[in-house]
């Protein structure tokens, strides 16, 4: 799936749509990863980040994207 093409096709993506596309991208990229850094690890980090960000003054979209994407550039994973 070409996520950038899909994202660019919708000129004004709302945060929920951006998060949804990012979740799909991360699930696809981490499919078959070892248990320590699989989708469920990302889901736990994402949930914790959302919980913490409720009490802090932050850009919610940035926090959510950071939590979802934090392992994507990890050298342990093939590109």
C-alpha atoms as a PDB file:
ATOM      1  CA  UNK A   1       0.000   0.000   0.000  1.00  0.00           C
ATOM      2  CA  UNK A   2       1.314   3.453  -0.876  1.00  0.00           C
ATOM      3  CA  UNK A   3       0.577   5.428   2.293  1.00  0.00           C
ATOM      4  CA  UNK A   4       1.972   8.714   1.035  1.00  0.00           C
ATOM      5  CA  UNK A   5      -0.164   8.532  -2.099  1.00  0.00           C
ATOM      6  CA  UNK A   6      -3.225   7.829   0.036  1.00  0.00           C
ATOM      7  CA  UNK A   7      -2.356  10.661   2.421  1.00  0.00           C
ATOM      8  CA  UNK A   8      -1.709  13.118  -0.402  1.00  0.00           C
ATOM      9  CA  UNK A   9      -5.028  12.243  -2.019  1.00  0.00           C
ATOM     10  CA  UNK A  10      -6.808  13.745   0.979  1.00  0.00           C
ATOM     11  CA  UNK A  11      -5.721  17.387   1.154  1.00  0.00           C
ATOM     12  CA  UNK A  12      -6.819  18.164   4.711  1.00  0.00           C
ATOM     13  CA  UNK A  13      -6.352  15.002   6.719  1.00  0.00           C
ATOM     14  CA  UNK A  14      -7.609  15.291  10.225  1.00  0.00           C
ATOM     15  CA  UNK A  15      -5.495  13.999  13.084  1.00  0.00           C
ATOM     16  CA  UNK A  16      -7.569  10.828  13.449  1.00  0.00           C
ATOM     17  CA  UNK A  17      -7.069  10.019   9.775  1.00  0.00           C
ATOM     18  CA  UNK A  18      -3.337  10.642  10.007  1.00  0.00           C
ATOM     19  CA  UNK A  19      -3.106   8.394  13.066  1.00  0.00           C
ATOM     20  CA  UNK A  20      -5.159   5.703  11.353  1.00  0.00           C
ATOM     21  CA  UNK A  21      -2.909   5.719   8.273  1.00  0.00           C
ATOM     22  CA  UNK A  22       0.165   5.688  10.492  1.00  0.00           C
ATOM     23  CA  UNK A  23      -1.150   2.715  12.472  1.00  0.00           C
ATOM     24  CA  UNK A  24      -1.683   0.771   9.219  1.00  0.00           C
ATOM     25  CA  UNK A  25       1.817   1.666   8.036  1.00  0.00           C
ATOM     26  CA  UNK A  26       3.436   0.590  11.311  1.00  0.00           C
ATOM     27  CA  UNK A  27       1.464  -2.676  11.474  1.00  0.00           C
ATOM     28  CA  UNK A  28       2.585  -3.512   7.937  1.00  0.00           C
ATOM     29  CA  UNK A  29       6.228  -2.587   8.573  1.00  0.00           C
ATOM     30  CA  UNK A  30       6.466  -4.520  11.838  1.00  0.00           C
ATOM     31  CA  UNK A  31       4.560  -7.596  10.669  1.00  0.00           C
ATOM     32  CA  UNK A  32       6.635 -10.620  11.600  1.00  0.00           C
ATOM     33  CA  UNK A  33       8.893  -8.699  13.980  1.00  0.00           C
ATOM     34  CA  UNK A  34      10.152 -10.311  17.157  1.00  0.00           C
ATOM     35  CA  UNK A  35       7.799 -10.150  20.126  1.00  0.00           C
ATOM     36  CA  UNK A  36       9.759  -7.427  21.938  1.00  0.00           C
ATOM     37  CA  UNK A  37       9.238  -4.920  19.163  1.00  0.00           C
ATOM     38  CA  UNK A  38       6.060  -6.029  17.462  1.00  0.00           C
ATOM     39  CA  UNK A  39       2.779  -4.171  16.988  1.00  0.00           C
ATOM     40  CA  UNK A  40       1.712  -4.938  20.572  1.00  0.00           C
ATOM     41  CA  UNK A  41       4.819  -3.177  21.903  1.00  0.00           C
ATOM     42  CA  UNK A  42       3.937  -0.142  19.784  1.00  0.00           C
ATOM     43  CA  UNK A  43       0.342  -0.285  21.033  1.00  0.00           C
ATOM     44  CA  UNK A  44       1.518  -0.253  24.673  1.00  0.00           C
ATOM     45  CA  UNK A  45       3.834   2.715  24.033  1.00  0.00           C
ATOM     46  CA  UNK A  46       1.051   4.522  22.153  1.00  0.00           C
ATOM     47  CA  UNK A  47      -1.452   3.976  24.986  1.00  0.00           C
ATOM     48  CA  UNK A  48       1.043   5.135  27.624  1.00  0.00           C
ATOM     49  CA  UNK A  49       1.945   8.233  25.585  1.00  0.00           C
ATOM     50  CA  UNK A  50      -1.739   9.157  25.238  1.00  0.00           C
ATOM     51  CA  UNK A  51      -2.278   8.689  28.974  1.00  0.00           C
ATOM     52  CA  UNK A  52       0.738  10.827  29.928  1.00  0.00           C
ATOM     53  CA  UNK A  53      -0.100  13.527  27.389  1.00  0.00           C
ATOM     54  CA  UNK A  54      -3.502  14.093  28.987  1.00  0.00           C
ATOM     55  CA  UNK A  55      -1.803  15.856  31.893  1.00  0.00           C
ATOM     56  CA  UNK A  56       0.834  17.745  29.885  1.00  0.00           C
ATOM     57  CA  UNK A  57       0.651  20.665  27.489  1.00  0.00           C
ATOM     58  CA  UNK A  58       1.689  18.963  24.248  1.00  0.00           C
ATOM     59  CA  UNK A  59       0.799  18.699  20.604  1.00  0.00           C
ATOM     60  CA  UNK A  60      -1.290  15.530  20.714  1.00  0.00           C
ATOM     61  CA  UNK A  61      -0.616  14.662  17.078  1.00  0.00           C
ATOM     62  CA  UNK A  62       3.152  14.893  17.548  1.00  0.00           C
ATOM     63  CA  UNK A  63       3.036  12.711  20.676  1.00  0.00           C
ATOM     64  CA  UNK A  64       0.854  10.113  18.961  1.00  0.00           C
ATOM     65  CA  UNK A  65       3.021   9.967  15.854  1.00  0.00           C
ATOM     66  CA  UNK A  66       6.219   9.757  17.900  1.00  0.00           C
ATOM     67  CA  UNK A  67       4.825   6.848  19.902  1.00  0.00           C
ATOM     68  CA  UNK A  68       3.664   5.001  16.803  1.00  0.00           C
ATOM     69  CA  UNK A  69       6.834   5.562  14.779  1.00  0.00           C
ATOM     70  CA  UNK A  70       9.519   5.259  17.456  1.00  0.00           C
ATOM     71  CA  UNK A  71      10.813   1.863  16.232  1.00  0.00           C
ATOM     72  CA  UNK A  72      10.414   2.366  12.489  1.00  0.00           C
ATOM     73  CA  UNK A  73      13.956   3.651  11.893  1.00  0.00           C
ATOM     74  CA  UNK A  74      15.511   1.090  14.256  1.00  0.00           C
ATOM     75  CA  UNK A  75      18.467  -0.619  12.569  1.00  0.00           C
ATOM     76  CA  UNK A  76      17.317  -4.016  13.902  1.00  0.00           C
ATOM     77  CA  UNK A  77      14.467  -4.024  11.410  1.00  0.00           C
ATOM     78  CA  UNK A  78      14.971  -4.596   7.693  1.00  0.00           C
ATOM     79  CA  UNK A  79      13.753  -1.894   5.330  1.00  0.00           C
END
